[in-house]
C-alpha atoms as a PDB file:
ATOM      1  CA  MET A   1      -0.130  -0.446   0.111  1.00  0.00           C
ATOM      2  CA  ASN A   2       1.512   2.779  -0.794  1.00  0.00           C
ATOM      3  CA  LYS A   3       2.279   5.565   1.326  1.00  0.00           C
ATOM      4  CA  ASP A   4       1.927   8.993  -0.198  1.00  0.00           C
ATOM      5  CA  THR A   5      -1.302   7.685  -0.625  1.00  0.00           C
ATOM      6  CA  LEU A   6      -1.765   7.365   2.961  1.00  0.00           C
ATOM      7  CA  LEU A   7       0.716  10.720   3.919  1.00  0.00           C
ATOM      8  CA  ASN A   8      -2.383  12.577   1.871  1.00  0.00           C
ATOM      9  CA  ALA A   9      -4.915  10.984   3.156  1.00  0.00           C
ATOM     10  CA  LEU A  10      -3.941  11.760   6.221  1.00  0.00           C
ATOM     11  CA  ASN A  11      -2.774  15.188   5.236  1.00  0.00           C
ATOM     12  CA  ASP A  12      -6.023  16.925   3.384  1.00  0.00           C
ATOM     13  CA  TYR A  13      -8.320  15.215   6.231  1.00  0.00           C
ATOM     14  CA  LEU A  14      -5.765  16.828  10.066  1.00  0.00           C
ATOM     15  CA  LEU A  15      -7.076  19.899   7.308  1.00  0.00           C
ATOM     16  CA  HIS A  16      -9.981  19.369   7.272  1.00  0.00           C
ATOM     17  CA  ILE A  17     -10.674  18.453  11.208  1.00  0.00           C
ATOM     18  CA  GLN A  18      -9.329  21.690  11.933  1.00  0.00           C
ATOM     19  CA  LEU A  19     -11.447  24.071  10.192  1.00  0.00           C
ATOM     20  CA  ASP A  20     -14.623  22.682  10.387  1.00  0.00           C
ATOM     21  CA  PRO A  21     -14.199  21.146  14.382  1.00  0.00           C
ATOM     22  CA  ILE A  22     -17.635  19.737  16.325  1.00  0.00           C
ATOM     23  CA  GLY A  23     -16.578  20.265  20.408  1.00  0.00           C
ATOM     24  CA  ASP A  24     -12.688  18.857  21.256  1.00  0.00           C
ATOM     25  CA  ILE A  25     -11.375  16.983  18.627  1.00  0.00           C
ATOM     26  CA  THR A  26      -7.981  17.888  20.816  1.00  0.00           C
ATOM     27  CA  SER A  27      -6.784  13.807  20.725  1.00  0.00           C
ATOM     28  CA  LYS A  28      -8.394  13.262  17.209  1.00  0.00           C
ATOM     29  CA  ILE A  29      -6.029  15.974  16.037  1.00  0.00           C
ATOM     30  CA  ASN A  30      -2.753  13.857  18.375  1.00  0.00           C
ATOM     31  CA  ALA A  31      -4.444  11.118  16.584  1.00  0.00           C
ATOM     32  CA  VAL A  32      -4.371  11.960  12.521  1.00  0.00           C
ATOM     33  CA  GLU A  33      -1.069  14.084  14.142  1.00  0.00           C
ATOM     34  CA  ALA A  34       0.857  10.482  15.190  1.00  0.00           C
ATOM     35  CA  CYS A  35      -1.333   8.512  12.361  1.00  0.00           C
ATOM     36  CA  ARG A  36       1.124  10.377   9.688  1.00  0.00           C
ATOM     37  CA  ASN A  37       4.091  10.935  12.115  1.00  0.00           C
ATOM     38  CA  TYR A  38       4.107   7.212  11.191  1.00  0.00           C
ATOM     39  CA  VAL A  39       3.821   6.261   7.665  1.00  0.00           C
ATOM     40  CA  ALA A  40       6.131   9.985   6.412  1.00  0.00           C
ATOM     41  CA  ALA A  41       8.698   7.928   9.357  1.00  0.00           C
ATOM     42  CA  ILE A  42       8.403   4.531   7.602  1.00  0.00           C
ATOM     43  CA  ASP A  43      11.379   3.875   5.319  1.00  0.00           C
ATOM     44  CA  GLY A  44      10.175   2.718   1.519  1.00  0.00           C
ATOM     45  CA  ASP A  45       6.693   3.403   0.082  1.00  0.00           C
ATOM     46  CA  VAL A  46       4.700  -0.082   1.622  1.00  0.00           C
ATOM     47  CA  VAL A  47       2.534   0.831   4.689  1.00  0.00           C
ATOM     48  CA  ASN A  48       1.891  -2.734   6.878  1.00  0.00           C
ATOM     49  CA  ALA A  49      -1.108  -3.259   6.150  1.00  0.00           C
ATOM     50  CA  ASP A  50      -1.325  -5.093  10.141  1.00  0.00           C
ATOM     51  CA  TRP A  51      -0.333  -1.279  11.969  1.00  0.00           C
ATOM     52  CA  VAL A  52      -2.811   0.057   9.126  1.00  0.00           C
ATOM     53  CA  LYS A  53      -5.636  -1.754  10.624  1.00  0.00           C
ATOM     54  CA  SER A  54      -4.637  -1.976  13.794  1.00  0.00           C
ATOM     55  CA  ASN A  55      -5.693   1.879  13.519  1.00  0.00           C
ATOM     56  CA  CYS A  56      -9.005   2.319  10.923  1.00  0.00           C
ATOM     57  CA  ILE A  57     -10.558   4.633  13.796  1.00  0.00           C
ATOM     58  CA  ILE A  58      -8.163   7.284  11.922  1.00  0.00           C
ATOM     59  CA  ILE A  59      -7.267   5.755   8.745  1.00  0.00           C
ATOM     60  CA  LEU A  60     -10.771   4.921   7.346  1.00  0.00           C
ATOM     61  CA  PRO A  61     -12.463   8.818   8.196  1.00  0.00           C
ATOM     62  CA  ALA A  62      -9.255  10.135   5.918  1.00  0.00           C
ATOM     63  CA  ILE A  63      -9.273   7.642   3.400  1.00  0.00           C
ATOM     64  CA  ASP A  64     -13.187   8.310   3.169  1.00  0.00           C
ATOM     65  CA  TYR A  65     -12.846  11.653   3.526  1.00  0.00           C
ATOM     66  CA  GLN A  66     -10.394  11.516   0.087  1.00  0.00           C
ATOM     67  CA  ARG A  67     -12.290   9.553  -1.941  1.00  0.00           C
ATOM     68  CA  LYS A  68     -14.926  12.247  -1.956  1.00  0.00           C
ATOM     69  CA  ALA A  69     -12.339  15.394  -1.984  1.00  0.00           C
ATOM     70  CA  LEU A  70     -10.407  13.539  -4.999  1.00  0.00           C
ATOM     71  CA  LYS A  71     -14.356  12.854  -7.282  1.00  0.00           C
ATOM     72  CA  ARG A  72     -14.991  16.001  -7.009  1.00  0.00           C
ATOM     73  CA  LYS A  73     -11.421  16.808  -8.529  1.00  0.00           C
ATOM     74  CA  ILE A  74     -12.612  14.032 -11.189  1.00  0.00           C
ATOM     75  CA  ASP A  75     -15.271  15.999 -11.725  1.00  0.00           C
ATOM     76  CA  ASP A  76     -13.903  19.511 -11.812  1.00  0.00           C
ATOM     77  CA  ALA A  77     -10.813  17.948 -14.216  1.00  0.00           C
ATOM     78  CA  LYS A  78     -14.075  17.619 -16.292  1.00  0.00           C
ATOM     79  CA  ILE A  79     -16.025  19.940 -15.948  1.00  0.00           C
ATOM     80  CA  ILE A  80     -13.046  22.343 -17.636  1.00  0.00           C
ATOM     81  CA  ASN A  81     -11.725  19.253 -19.850  1.00  0.00           C
ATOM     82  CA  ASP A  82      -8.111  19.835 -17.683  1.00  0.00           C
ATOM     83  CA  GLU A  83      -6.545  16.373 -18.920  1.00  0.00           C
ATOM     84  CA  GLU A  84      -3.335  16.099 -17.327  1.00  0.00           C
ATOM     85  CA  ALA A  85      -5.847  16.886 -13.715  1.00  0.00           C
ATOM     86  CA  LEU A  86      -8.073  14.192 -14.427  1.00  0.00           C
ATOM     87  CA  SER A  87      -5.356  11.622 -14.746  1.00  0.00           C
ATOM     88  CA  LYS A  88      -3.326  12.427 -11.383  1.00  0.00           C
ATOM     89  CA  ALA A  89      -7.352  12.698  -9.120  1.00  0.00           C
ATOM     90  CA  ARG A  90      -7.393   8.990 -11.171  1.00  0.00           C
ATOM     91  CA  ALA A  91      -3.919   7.380 -10.158  1.00  0.00           C
ATOM     92  CA  GLU A  92      -4.525   8.685  -6.898  1.00  0.00           C
ATOM     93  CA  TYR A  93      -7.491   7.925  -6.415  1.00  0.00           C
ATOM     94  CA  ARG A  94      -7.335   4.279  -7.936  1.00  0.00           C
ATOM     95  CA  ASN A  95      -4.488   4.403  -4.679  1.00  0.00           C
ATOM     96  CA  LEU A  96      -7.332   4.733  -2.529  1.00  0.00           C
ATOM     97  CA  GLN A  97      -8.517   1.174  -2.763  1.00  0.00           C
ATOM     98  CA  PRO A  98      -5.909  -1.078  -1.562  1.00  0.00           C
ATOM     99  CA  PHE A  99      -6.406   0.972   1.371  1.00  0.00           C
ATOM    100  CA  LEU A 100      -9.963   0.588   1.785  1.00  0.00           C
ATOM    101  CA  ASN A 101     -10.370  -3.329   0.963  1.00  0.00           C
ATOM    102  CA  LEU A 102      -8.565  -3.822   4.022  1.00  0.00           C
ATOM    103  CA  LEU A 103     -10.622  -1.598   6.366  1.00  0.00           C
ATOM    104  CA  LYS A 104     -13.934  -3.434   4.686  1.00  0.00           C
ATOM    105  CA  PRO A 105     -14.695  -5.331   7.632  1.00  0.00           C
ATOM    106  CA  PHE A 106     -13.664  -2.435  10.303  1.00  0.00           C
ATOM    107  CA  ARG A 107     -16.517   0.151   8.272  1.00  0.00           C
ATOM    108  CA  THR A 108     -19.107  -0.413  10.794  1.00  0.00           C
ATOM    109  CA  LEU A 109     -17.052   0.597  13.337  1.00  0.00           C
ATOM    110  CA  THR A 110     -16.619   4.093  11.784  1.00  0.00           C
ATOM    111  CA  SER A 111     -19.695   4.316  11.080  1.00  0.00           C
END
């Protein structure tokens, strides 16, 4: 599973929860930052599947948020006929699929 894809998702999710907070989100921010820092420190490009599963409460909402953001980017790129942006957004969207497949059994925990 691609490290950069997960880092992008965690960074975007962190920004999202900070811009639109609901109640005290300090613990959530700390958890997302801890996950992000761990992923950033990994040598190589592959994130361990067991680690992803053990942090599903943080990673699944980040992946879901990222998918929605990428869907908007894809739609916008189609409207303005920007093939480069469309290709990039679709590639990143596809890179999220292994995370979703891995975390599918945990979806009810975060719903």
